[in-house]
PDB file of N, CA and C in Angstrom:
ATOM      1  N   MET A   1     -25.569 -20.796 -49.516  1.00  0.00           N
ATOM      2  CA  MET A   1     -25.190 -20.940 -48.119  1.00  0.00           C
ATOM      3  C   MET A   1     -26.360 -21.456 -47.319  1.00  0.00           C
ATOM      4  N   ASP A   2     -26.092 -22.424 -46.584  1.00  0.00           N
ATOM      5  CA  ASP A   2     -27.130 -23.018 -45.759  1.00  0.00           C
ATOM      6  C   ASP A   2     -26.888 -22.588 -44.312  1.00  0.00           C
ATOM      7  N   THR A   3     -27.772 -21.807 -43.760  1.00  0.00           N
ATOM      8  CA  THR A   3     -27.604 -21.346 -42.378  1.00  0.00           C
ATOM      9  C   THR A   3     -28.561 -22.081 -41.476  1.00  0.00           C
ATOM     10  N   LYS A   4     -28.003 -22.746 -40.537  1.00  0.00           N
ATOM     11  CA  LYS A   4     -28.807 -23.466 -39.552  1.00  0.00           C
ATOM     12  C   LYS A   4     -28.380 -23.024 -38.164  1.00  0.00           C
ATOM     13  N   ILE A   5     -29.290 -23.060 -37.256  1.00  0.00           N
ATOM     14  CA  ILE A   5     -28.990 -22.714 -35.877  1.00  0.00           C
ATOM     15  C   ILE A   5     -28.300 -23.903 -35.225  1.00  0.00           C
ATOM     16  N   LYS A   6     -27.138 -23.629 -34.682  1.00  0.00           N
ATOM     17  CA  LYS A   6     -26.381 -24.686 -34.024  1.00  0.00           C
ATOM     18  C   LYS A   6     -26.721 -24.698 -32.544  1.00  0.00           C
ATOM     19  N   GLN A   7     -26.764 -25.865 -31.988  1.00  0.00           N
ATOM     20  CA  GLN A   7     -26.999 -25.989 -30.554  1.00  0.00           C
ATOM     21  C   GLN A   7     -25.688 -25.727 -29.821  1.00  0.00           C
ATOM     22  N   LYS A   8     -25.815 -25.053 -28.695  1.00  0.00           N
ATOM     23  CA  LYS A   8     -24.635 -24.787 -27.882  1.00  0.00           C
ATOM     24  C   LYS A   8     -24.222 -26.052 -27.152  1.00  0.00           C
ATOM     25  N   ARG A   9     -22.936 -26.243 -27.075  1.00  0.00           N
ATOM     26  CA  ARG A   9     -22.427 -27.379 -26.322  1.00  0.00           C
ATOM     27  C   ARG A   9     -22.360 -26.986 -24.854  1.00  0.00           C
ATOM     28  N   VAL A  10     -22.810 -27.838 -24.034  1.00  0.00           N
ATOM     29  CA  VAL A  10     -22.786 -27.580 -22.606  1.00  0.00           C
ATOM     30  C   VAL A  10     -21.669 -28.412 -22.004  1.00  0.00           C
ATOM     31  N   CYS A  11     -20.740 -27.723 -21.413  1.00  0.00           N
ATOM     32  CA  CYS A  11     -19.618 -28.390 -20.782  1.00  0.00           C
ATOM     33  C   CYS A  11     -19.740 -28.161 -19.282  1.00  0.00           C
ATOM     34  N   ARG A  12     -20.012 -29.183 -18.576  1.00  0.00           N
ATOM     35  CA  ARG A  12     -20.180 -29.059 -17.127  1.00  0.00           C
ATOM     36  C   ARG A  12     -18.940 -29.600 -16.431  1.00  0.00           C
ATOM     37  N   LYS A  13     -18.429 -28.760 -15.569  1.00  0.00           N
ATOM     38  CA  LYS A  13     -17.270 -29.168 -14.802  1.00  0.00           C
ATOM     39  C   LYS A  13     -17.730 -29.778 -13.493  1.00  0.00           C
ATOM     40  N   LYS A  14     -16.955 -30.712 -13.035  1.00  0.00           N
ATOM     41  CA  LYS A  14     -17.262 -31.327 -11.765  1.00  0.00           C
ATOM     42  C   LYS A  14     -16.964 -30.320 -10.661  1.00  0.00           C
ATOM     43  N   ARG A  15     -17.928 -30.039  -9.852  1.00  0.00           N
ATOM     44  CA  ARG A  15     -17.767 -29.058  -8.789  1.00  0.00           C
ATOM     45  C   ARG A  15     -17.237 -29.724  -7.534  1.00  0.00           C
ATOM     46  N   LEU A  16     -16.313 -29.021  -6.916  1.00  0.00           N
ATOM     47  CA  LEU A  16     -15.764 -29.490  -5.658  1.00  0.00           C
ATOM     48  C   LEU A  16     -16.491 -28.811  -4.516  1.00  0.00           C
ATOM     49  N   LYS A  17     -16.533 -29.457  -3.407  1.00  0.00           N
ATOM     50  CA  LYS A  17     -17.176 -28.859  -2.250  1.00  0.00           C
ATOM     51  C   LYS A  17     -16.371 -27.640  -1.798  1.00  0.00           C
ATOM     52  N   PRO A  18     -17.061 -26.542  -1.442  1.00  0.00           N
ATOM     53  CA  PRO A  18     -16.328 -25.342  -1.037  1.00  0.00           C
ATOM     54  C   PRO A  18     -15.483 -25.541   0.219  1.00  0.00           C
ATOM     55  N   THR A  19     -15.846 -26.473   1.056  1.00  0.00           N
ATOM     56  CA  THR A  19     -15.085 -26.675   2.293  1.00  0.00           C
ATOM     57  C   THR A  19     -13.692 -27.218   2.012  1.00  0.00           C
ATOM     58  N   GLU A  20     -13.518 -27.895   0.893  1.00  0.00           N
ATOM     59  CA  GLU A  20     -12.212 -28.440   0.575  1.00  0.00           C
ATOM     60  C   GLU A  20     -11.244 -27.353   0.110  1.00  0.00           C
ATOM     61  N   LEU A  21     -11.750 -26.331  -0.557  1.00  0.00           N
ATOM     62  CA  LEU A  21     -10.895 -25.300  -1.108  1.00  0.00           C
ATOM     63  C   LEU A  21     -10.772 -24.071  -0.214  1.00  0.00           C
ATOM     64  N   ALA A  22     -11.728 -23.827   0.633  1.00  0.00           N
ATOM     65  CA  ALA A  22     -11.773 -22.582   1.398  1.00  0.00           C
ATOM     66  C   ALA A  22     -11.108 -22.704   2.760  1.00  0.00           C
ATOM     67  N   ARG A  23      -9.952 -23.290   2.818  1.00  0.00           N
ATOM     68  CA  ARG A  23      -9.220 -23.413   4.075  1.00  0.00           C
ATOM     69  C   ARG A  23      -7.813 -22.862   3.907  1.00  0.00           C
ATOM     70  N   PRO A  24      -7.679 -21.525   3.890  1.00  0.00           N
ATOM     71  CA  PRO A  24      -6.337 -20.953   3.746  1.00  0.00           C
ATOM     72  C   PRO A  24      -5.520 -21.167   5.009  1.00  0.00           C
ATOM     73  N   GLU A  25      -4.232 -21.077   4.855  1.00  0.00           N
ATOM     74  CA  GLU A  25      -3.354 -21.256   6.009  1.00  0.00           C
ATOM     75  C   GLU A  25      -3.520 -20.095   6.972  1.00  0.00           C
ATOM     76  N   GLN A  26      -3.506 -20.394   8.223  1.00  0.00           N
ATOM     77  CA  GLN A  26      -3.629 -19.369   9.250  1.00  0.00           C
ATOM     78  C   GLN A  26      -2.233 -18.851   9.581  1.00  0.00           C
ATOM     79  N   LEU A  27      -2.084 -17.531   9.585  1.00  0.00           N
ATOM     80  CA  LEU A  27      -0.815 -16.927   9.951  1.00  0.00           C
ATOM     81  C   LEU A  27      -0.896 -16.457  11.395  1.00  0.00           C
ATOM     82  N   VAL A  28       0.154 -16.703  12.119  1.00  0.00           N
ATOM     83  CA  VAL A  28       0.200 -16.293  13.514  1.00  0.00           C
ATOM     84  C   VAL A  28       0.798 -14.897  13.565  1.00  0.00           C
ATOM     85  N   GLU A  29       0.052 -13.936  14.119  1.00  0.00           N
ATOM     86  CA  GLU A  29       0.506 -12.555  14.158  1.00  0.00           C
ATOM     87  C   GLU A  29       1.673 -12.364  15.132  1.00  0.00           C
ATOM     88  N   GLY A  30       1.695 -13.101  16.227  1.00  0.00           N
ATOM     89  CA  GLY A  30       2.722 -12.908  17.237  1.00  0.00           C
ATOM     90  C   GLY A  30       4.094 -13.360  16.801  1.00  0.00           C
ATOM     91  N   SER A  31       4.179 -14.218  15.791  1.00  0.00           N
ATOM     92  CA  SER A  31       5.482 -14.749  15.386  1.00  0.00           C
ATOM     93  C   SER A  31       6.142 -13.908  14.305  1.00  0.00           C
ATOM     94  N   ARG A  32       5.594 -12.766  14.004  1.00  0.00           N
ATOM     95  CA  ARG A  32       6.158 -11.916  12.957  1.00  0.00           C
ATOM     96  C   ARG A  32       7.271 -11.056  13.546  1.00  0.00           C
ATOM     97  N   GLU A  33       8.488 -11.511  13.430  1.00  0.00           N
ATOM     98  CA  GLU A  33       9.620 -10.810  14.023  1.00  0.00           C
ATOM     99  C   GLU A  33      10.334  -9.920  13.018  1.00  0.00           C
ATOM    100  N   GLU A  34      10.398 -10.346  11.758  1.00  0.00           N
ATOM    101  CA  GLU A  34      11.109  -9.550  10.778  1.00  0.00           C
ATOM    102  C   GLU A  34      10.214  -8.416  10.282  1.00  0.00           C
ATOM    103  N   ARG A  35      10.837  -7.340   9.897  1.00  0.00           N
ATOM    104  CA  ARG A  35      10.097  -6.187   9.381  1.00  0.00           C
ATOM    105  C   ARG A  35      10.222  -6.184   7.861  1.00  0.00           C
ATOM    106  N   ASN A  36       9.151  -5.806   7.218  1.00  0.00           N
ATOM    107  CA  ASN A  36       9.221  -5.721   5.763  1.00  0.00           C
ATOM    108  C   ASN A  36       9.693  -4.326   5.359  1.00  0.00           C
ATOM    109  N   ASP A  37       9.862  -4.102   4.073  1.00  0.00           N
ATOM    110  CA  ASP A  37      10.406  -2.834   3.576  1.00  0.00           C
ATOM    111  C   ASP A  37       9.513  -1.655   3.925  1.00  0.00           C
ATOM    112  N   THR A  38       8.202  -1.852   3.875  1.00  0.00           N
ATOM    113  CA  THR A  38       7.285  -0.754   4.180  1.00  0.00           C
ATOM    114  C   THR A  38       7.426  -0.320   5.632  1.00  0.00           C
ATOM    115  N   ASP A  39       7.557  -1.276   6.542  1.00  0.00           N
ATOM    116  CA  ASP A  39       7.734  -0.936   7.959  1.00  0.00           C
ATOM    117  C   ASP A  39       9.032  -0.150   8.171  1.00  0.00           C
ATOM    118  N   LYS A  40      10.088  -0.574   7.498  1.00  0.00           N
ATOM    119  CA  LYS A  40      11.371   0.123   7.638  1.00  0.00           C
ATOM    120  C   LYS A  40      11.277   1.535   7.082  1.00  0.00           C
ATOM    121  N   THR A  41      10.613   1.697   5.941  1.00  0.00           N
ATOM    122  CA  THR A  41      10.456   3.018   5.343  1.00  0.00           C
ATOM    123  C   THR A  41       9.602   3.912   6.227  1.00  0.00           C
ATOM    124  N   MET A  42       8.544   3.353   6.803  1.00  0.00           N
ATOM    125  CA  MET A  42       7.688   4.123   7.702  1.00  0.00           C
ATOM    126  C   MET A  42       8.470   4.595   8.922  1.00  0.00           C
ATOM    127  N   LEU A  43       9.279   3.720   9.490  1.00  0.00           N
ATOM    128  CA  LEU A  43      10.078   4.072  10.658  1.00  0.00           C
ATOM    129  C   LEU A  43      11.086   5.171  10.327  1.00  0.00           C
ATOM    130  N   THR A  44      11.715   5.076   9.163  1.00  0.00           N
ATOM    131  CA  THR A  44      12.665   6.102   8.734  1.00  0.00           C
ATOM    132  C   THR A  44      11.977   7.449   8.564  1.00  0.00           C
ATOM    133  N   MET A  45      10.819   7.450   7.915  1.00  0.00           N
ATOM    134  CA  MET A  45      10.071   8.699   7.722  1.00  0.00           C
ATOM    135  C   MET A  45       9.632   9.291   9.053  1.00  0.00           C
ATOM    136  N   PHE A  46       9.162   8.447   9.938  1.00  0.00           N
ATOM    137  CA  PHE A  46       8.694   8.934  11.239  1.00  0.00           C
ATOM    138  C   PHE A  46       9.851   9.551  12.028  1.00  0.00           C
ATOM    139  N   ASN A  47      11.027   8.940  11.960  1.00  0.00           N
ATOM    140  CA  ASN A  47      12.205   9.498  12.637  1.00  0.00           C
ATOM    141  C   ASN A  47      12.605  10.839  12.034  1.00  0.00           C
ATOM    142  N   ILE A  48      12.506  10.977  10.719  1.00  0.00           N
ATOM    143  CA  ILE A  48      12.803  12.258  10.070  1.00  0.00           C
ATOM    144  C   ILE A  48      11.812  13.317  10.526  1.00  0.00           C
ATOM    145  N   LEU A  49      10.531  12.946  10.631  1.00  0.00           N
ATOM    146  CA  LEU A  49       9.518  13.911  11.070  1.00  0.00           C
ATOM    147  C   LEU A  49       9.712  14.312  12.528  1.00  0.00           C
ATOM    148  N   ARG A  50      10.103  13.364  13.362  1.00  0.00           N
ATOM    149  CA  ARG A  50      10.359  13.708  14.766  1.00  0.00           C
ATOM    150  C   ARG A  50      11.534  14.668  14.888  1.00  0.00           C
ATOM    151  N   LYS A  51      12.532  14.466  14.054  1.00  0.00           N
ATOM    152  CA  LYS A  51      13.742  15.287  14.115  1.00  0.00           C
ATOM    153  C   LYS A  51      13.497  16.689  13.553  1.00  0.00           C
ATOM    154  N   ASN A  52      12.768  16.804  12.447  1.00  0.00           N
ATOM    155  CA  ASN A  52      12.640  18.080  11.740  1.00  0.00           C
ATOM    156  C   ASN A  52      11.280  18.763  11.903  1.00  0.00           C
ATOM    157  N   ARG A  53      10.322  18.136  12.523  1.00  0.00           N
ATOM    158  CA  ARG A  53       8.969  18.665  12.734  1.00  0.00           C
ATOM    159  C   ARG A  53       8.157  18.835  11.456  1.00  0.00           C
ATOM    160  N   SER A  54       8.689  19.481  10.443  1.00  0.00           N
ATOM    161  CA  SER A  54       7.970  19.582   9.166  1.00  0.00           C
ATOM    162  C   SER A  54       8.979  19.516   8.023  1.00  0.00           C
ATOM    163  N   VAL A  55       8.588  18.797   6.970  1.00  0.00           N
ATOM    164  CA  VAL A  55       9.465  18.566   5.827  1.00  0.00           C
ATOM    165  C   VAL A  55       8.628  18.758   4.570  1.00  0.00           C
ATOM    166  N   LYS A  56       9.248  19.294   3.518  1.00  0.00           N
ATOM    167  CA  LYS A  56       8.535  19.404   2.249  1.00  0.00           C
ATOM    168  C   LYS A  56       8.195  17.998   1.745  1.00  0.00           C
ATOM    169  N   LEU A  57       7.010  17.870   1.195  1.00  0.00           N
ATOM    170  CA  LEU A  57       6.538  16.568   0.719  1.00  0.00           C
ATOM    171  C   LEU A  57       7.455  15.995  -0.346  1.00  0.00           C
ATOM    172  N   GLU A  58       7.879  16.821  -1.281  1.00  0.00           N
ATOM    173  CA  GLU A  58       8.711  16.299  -2.371  1.00  0.00           C
ATOM    174  C   GLU A  58      10.081  15.848  -1.883  1.00  0.00           C
ATOM    175  N   ILE A  59      10.608  16.473  -0.848  1.00  0.00           N
ATOM    176  CA  ILE A  59      11.902  16.055  -0.305  1.00  0.00           C
ATOM    177  C   ILE A  59      11.772  14.705   0.413  1.00  0.00           C
ATOM    178  N   LEU A  60      10.666  14.525   1.102  1.00  0.00           N
ATOM    179  CA  LEU A  60      10.451  13.294   1.865  1.00  0.00           C
ATOM    180  C   LEU A  60      10.132  12.103   0.970  1.00  0.00           C
ATOM    181  N   VAL A  61       9.384  12.330  -0.093  1.00  0.00           N
ATOM    182  CA  VAL A  61       8.860  11.224  -0.902  1.00  0.00           C
ATOM    183  C   VAL A  61       9.664  10.982  -2.175  1.00  0.00           C
ATOM    184  N   LEU A  62      10.049  12.032  -2.850  1.00  0.00           N
ATOM    185  CA  LEU A  62      10.605  11.911  -4.196  1.00  0.00           C
ATOM    186  C   LEU A  62      12.030  11.372  -4.209  1.00  0.00           C
ATOM    187  N   ASN A  63      12.248  10.354  -5.032  1.00  0.00           N
ATOM    188  CA  ASN A  63      13.587   9.832  -5.309  1.00  0.00           C
ATOM    189  C   ASN A  63      13.773   9.905  -6.814  1.00  0.00           C
ATOM    190  N   ARG A  64      14.566  10.847  -7.277  1.00  0.00           N
ATOM    191  CA  ARG A  64      14.698  11.091  -8.715  1.00  0.00           C
ATOM    192  C   ARG A  64      15.405   9.952  -9.451  1.00  0.00           C
ATOM    193  N   ASN A  65      16.088   9.105  -8.748  1.00  0.00           N
ATOM    194  CA  ASN A  65      16.800   7.996  -9.388  1.00  0.00           C
ATOM    195  C   ASN A  65      15.972   6.724  -9.478  1.00  0.00           C
ATOM    196  N   SER A  66      14.888   6.639  -8.708  1.00  0.00           N
ATOM    197  CA  SER A  66      14.116   5.405  -8.690  1.00  0.00           C
ATOM    198  C   SER A  66      12.623   5.700  -8.541  1.00  0.00           C
ATOM    199  N   PHE A  67      11.870   5.422  -9.606  1.00  0.00           N
ATOM    200  CA  PHE A  67      10.420   5.595  -9.547  1.00  0.00           C
ATOM    201  C   PHE A  67       9.814   4.626  -8.544  1.00  0.00           C
ATOM    202  N   ALA A  68      10.318   3.397  -8.495  1.00  0.00           N
ATOM    203  CA  ALA A  68       9.794   2.390  -7.572  1.00  0.00           C
ATOM    204  C   ALA A  68       9.966   2.835  -6.118  1.00  0.00           C
ATOM    205  N   GLN A  69      11.108   3.428  -5.807  1.00  0.00           N
ATOM    206  CA  GLN A  69      11.336   3.907  -4.443  1.00  0.00           C
ATOM    207  C   GLN A  69      10.403   5.063  -4.111  1.00  0.00           C
ATOM    208  N   THR A  70      10.124   5.920  -5.082  1.00  0.00           N
ATOM    209  CA  THR A  70       9.180   7.019  -4.869  1.00  0.00           C
ATOM    210  C   THR A  70       7.801   6.480  -4.542  1.00  0.00           C
ATOM    211  N   VAL A  71       7.366   5.454  -5.260  1.00  0.00           N
ATOM    212  CA  VAL A  71       6.060   4.851  -5.007  1.00  0.00           C
ATOM    213  C   VAL A  71       6.030   4.206  -3.624  1.00  0.00           C
ATOM    214  N   GLU A  72       7.097   3.520  -3.248  1.00  0.00           N
ATOM    215  CA  GLU A  72       7.162   2.910  -1.918  1.00  0.00           C
ATOM    216  C   GLU A  72       7.122   3.970  -0.823  1.00  0.00           C
ATOM    217  N   ASN A  73       7.801   5.090  -1.035  1.00  0.00           N
ATOM    218  CA  ASN A  73       7.786   6.175  -0.056  1.00  0.00           C
ATOM    219  C   ASN A  73       6.385   6.756   0.099  1.00  0.00           C
ATOM    220  N   LEU A  74       5.705   6.940  -1.011  1.00  0.00           N
ATOM    221  CA  LEU A  74       4.343   7.464  -0.961  1.00  0.00           C
ATOM    222  C   LEU A  74       3.405   6.481  -0.258  1.00  0.00           C
ATOM    223  N   PHE A  75       3.617   5.198  -0.510  1.00  0.00           N
ATOM    224  CA  PHE A  75       2.814   4.152   0.135  1.00  0.00           C
ATOM    225  C   PHE A  75       3.042   4.168   1.645  1.00  0.00           C
ATOM    226  N   ALA A  76       4.284   4.275   2.070  1.00  0.00           N
ATOM    227  CA  ALA A  76       4.602   4.309   3.502  1.00  0.00           C
ATOM    228  C   ALA A  76       4.036   5.569   4.154  1.00  0.00           C
ATOM    229  N   LEU A  77       4.118   6.699   3.452  1.00  0.00           N
ATOM    230  CA  LEU A  77       3.566   7.943   3.980  1.00  0.00           C
ATOM    231  C   LEU A  77       2.059   7.845   4.147  1.00  0.00           C
ATOM    232  N   SER A  78       1.403   7.150   3.242  1.00  0.00           N
ATOM    233  CA  SER A  78      -0.051   6.997   3.362  1.00  0.00           C
ATOM    234  C   SER A  78      -0.420   6.254   4.644  1.00  0.00           C
ATOM    235  N   PHE A  79       0.393   5.282   5.046  1.00  0.00           N
ATOM    236  CA  PHE A  79       0.135   4.575   6.298  1.00  0.00           C
ATOM    237  C   PHE A  79       0.353   5.483   7.502  1.00  0.00           C
ATOM    238  N   LEU A  80       1.388   6.326   7.450  1.00  0.00           N
ATOM    239  CA  LEU A  80       1.632   7.257   8.551  1.00  0.00           C
ATOM    240  C   LEU A  80       0.473   8.241   8.701  1.00  0.00           C
ATOM    241  N   VAL A  81      -0.049   8.723   7.590  1.00  0.00           N
ATOM    242  CA  VAL A  81      -1.177   9.655   7.638  1.00  0.00           C
ATOM    243  C   VAL A  81      -2.431   8.942   8.139  1.00  0.00           C
ATOM    244  N   LYS A  82      -2.643   7.722   7.655  1.00  0.00           N
ATOM    245  CA  LYS A  82      -3.814   6.948   8.072  1.00  0.00           C
ATOM    246  C   LYS A  82      -3.783   6.653   9.573  1.00  0.00           C
ATOM    247  N   ASP A  83      -2.605   6.346  10.100  1.00  0.00           N
ATOM    248  CA  ASP A  83      -2.460   6.049  11.527  1.00  0.00           C
ATOM    249  C   ASP A  83      -2.485   7.300  12.393  1.00  0.00           C
ATOM    250  N   GLY A  84      -2.422   8.477  11.776  1.00  0.00           N
ATOM    251  CA  GLY A  84      -2.443   9.717  12.530  1.00  0.00           C
ATOM    252  C   GLY A  84      -1.091  10.129  13.048  1.00  0.00           C
ATOM    253  N   ARG A  85      -0.017   9.542  12.532  1.00  0.00           N
ATOM    254  CA  ARG A  85       1.335   9.893  12.979  1.00  0.00           C
ATOM    255  C   ARG A  85       1.963  10.970  12.121  1.00  0.00           C
ATOM    256  N   ALA A  86       1.258  11.385  11.039  1.00  0.00           N
ATOM    257  CA  ALA A  86       1.749  12.457  10.176  1.00  0.00           C
ATOM    258  C   ALA A  86       0.552  13.193   9.575  1.00  0.00           C
ATOM    259  N   GLU A  87       0.779  14.446   9.223  1.00  0.00           N
ATOM    260  CA  GLU A  87      -0.241  15.263   8.561  1.00  0.00           C
ATOM    261  C   GLU A  87       0.383  15.926   7.343  1.00  0.00           C
ATOM    262  N   ILE A  88      -0.432  16.134   6.317  1.00  0.00           N
ATOM    263  CA  ILE A  88       0.020  16.858   5.139  1.00  0.00           C
ATOM    264  C   ILE A  88      -0.747  18.168   5.115  1.00  0.00           C
ATOM    265  N   LYS A  89      -0.003  19.277   5.119  1.00  0.00           N
ATOM    266  CA  LYS A  89      -0.605  20.608   5.129  1.00  0.00           C
ATOM    267  C   LYS A  89      -0.047  21.424   3.976  1.00  0.00           C
ATOM    268  N   VAL A  90      -0.786  22.462   3.600  1.00  0.00           N
ATOM    269  CA  VAL A  90      -0.338  23.388   2.563  1.00  0.00           C
ATOM    270  C   VAL A  90      -0.090  24.735   3.229  1.00  0.00           C
ATOM    271  N   ASP A  91       1.121  25.288   3.052  1.00  0.00           N
ATOM    272  CA  ASP A  91       1.424  26.591   3.656  1.00  0.00           C
ATOM    273  C   ASP A  91       0.925  27.717   2.752  1.00  0.00           C
ATOM    274  N   LYS A  92       1.172  28.955   3.165  1.00  0.00           N
ATOM    275  CA  LYS A  92       0.674  30.115   2.421  1.00  0.00           C
ATOM    276  C   LYS A  92       1.295  30.241   1.040  1.00  0.00           C
ATOM    277  N   ALA A  93       2.495  29.720   0.872  1.00  0.00           N
ATOM    278  CA  ALA A  93       3.172  29.783  -0.431  1.00  0.00           C
ATOM    279  C   ALA A  93       2.710  28.670  -1.368  1.00  0.00           C
ATOM    280  N   GLY A  94       1.860  27.786  -0.888  1.00  0.00           N
ATOM    281  CA  GLY A  94       1.356  26.702  -1.724  1.00  0.00           C
ATOM    282  C   GLY A  94       2.211  25.452  -1.713  1.00  0.00           C
ATOM    283  N   ARG A  95       3.167  25.373  -0.800  1.00  0.00           N
ATOM    284  CA  ARG A  95       4.016  24.175  -0.689  1.00  0.00           C
ATOM    285  C   ARG A  95       3.332  23.156   0.209  1.00  0.00           C
ATOM    286  N   HIS A  96       3.480  21.893  -0.130  1.00  0.00           N
ATOM    287  CA  HIS A  96       2.932  20.817   0.685  1.00  0.00           C
ATOM    288  C   HIS A  96       3.966  20.411   1.733  1.00  0.00           C
ATOM    289  N   LEU A  97       3.569  20.403   2.984  1.00  0.00           N
ATOM    290  CA  LEU A  97       4.457  20.058   4.083  1.00  0.00           C
ATOM    291  C   LEU A  97       3.916  18.840   4.808  1.00  0.00           C
ATOM    292  N   VAL A  98       4.819  17.959   5.176  1.00  0.00           N
ATOM    293  CA  VAL A  98       4.461  16.806   6.006  1.00  0.00           C
ATOM    294  C   VAL A  98       4.981  17.108   7.394  1.00  0.00           C
ATOM    295  N   CYS A  99       4.104  17.019   8.397  1.00  0.00           N
ATOM    296  CA  CYS A  99       4.506  17.342   9.752  1.00  0.00           C
ATOM    297  C   CYS A  99       3.850  16.388  10.741  1.00  0.00           C
ATOM    298  N   GLU A 100       4.368  16.409  11.959  1.00  0.00           N
ATOM    299  CA  GLU A 100       3.773  15.620  13.034  1.00  0.00           C
ATOM    300  C   GLU A 100       2.475  16.282  13.463  1.00  0.00           C
ATOM    301  N   PRO A 101       1.473  15.493  13.829  1.00  0.00           N
ATOM    302  CA  PRO A 101       0.228  16.108  14.314  1.00  0.00           C
ATOM    303  C   PRO A 101       0.451  16.779  15.667  1.00  0.00           C
ATOM    304  N   LEU A 102      -0.345  17.775  15.924  1.00  0.00           N
ATOM    305  CA  LEU A 102      -0.204  18.520  17.187  1.00  0.00           C
ATOM    306  C   LEU A 102      -0.734  17.791  18.335  1.00  0.00           C
TER     307      LEU A 102
END
């Protein structure tokens, strides 16, 4: 066996100027009239919280027929908590409750 060191091939790609590629489309915030699914889910959850004051977390989030819907509910709830429109508390029995902030 004859072992020789092979030279690496250098393949240089033609580089484009960054200004040509770095121009994403600008979206206008004021023209957003339609609501996406997350906004609708957030609004539904917020209305439930206003009506009931406190709800068990599993009742609000869990959908036993659809894992995807459960994930979407949890995602929407995270936005409500982040915005300060909902709180998650643990009662003395160890149950997680979602309620409106005081």
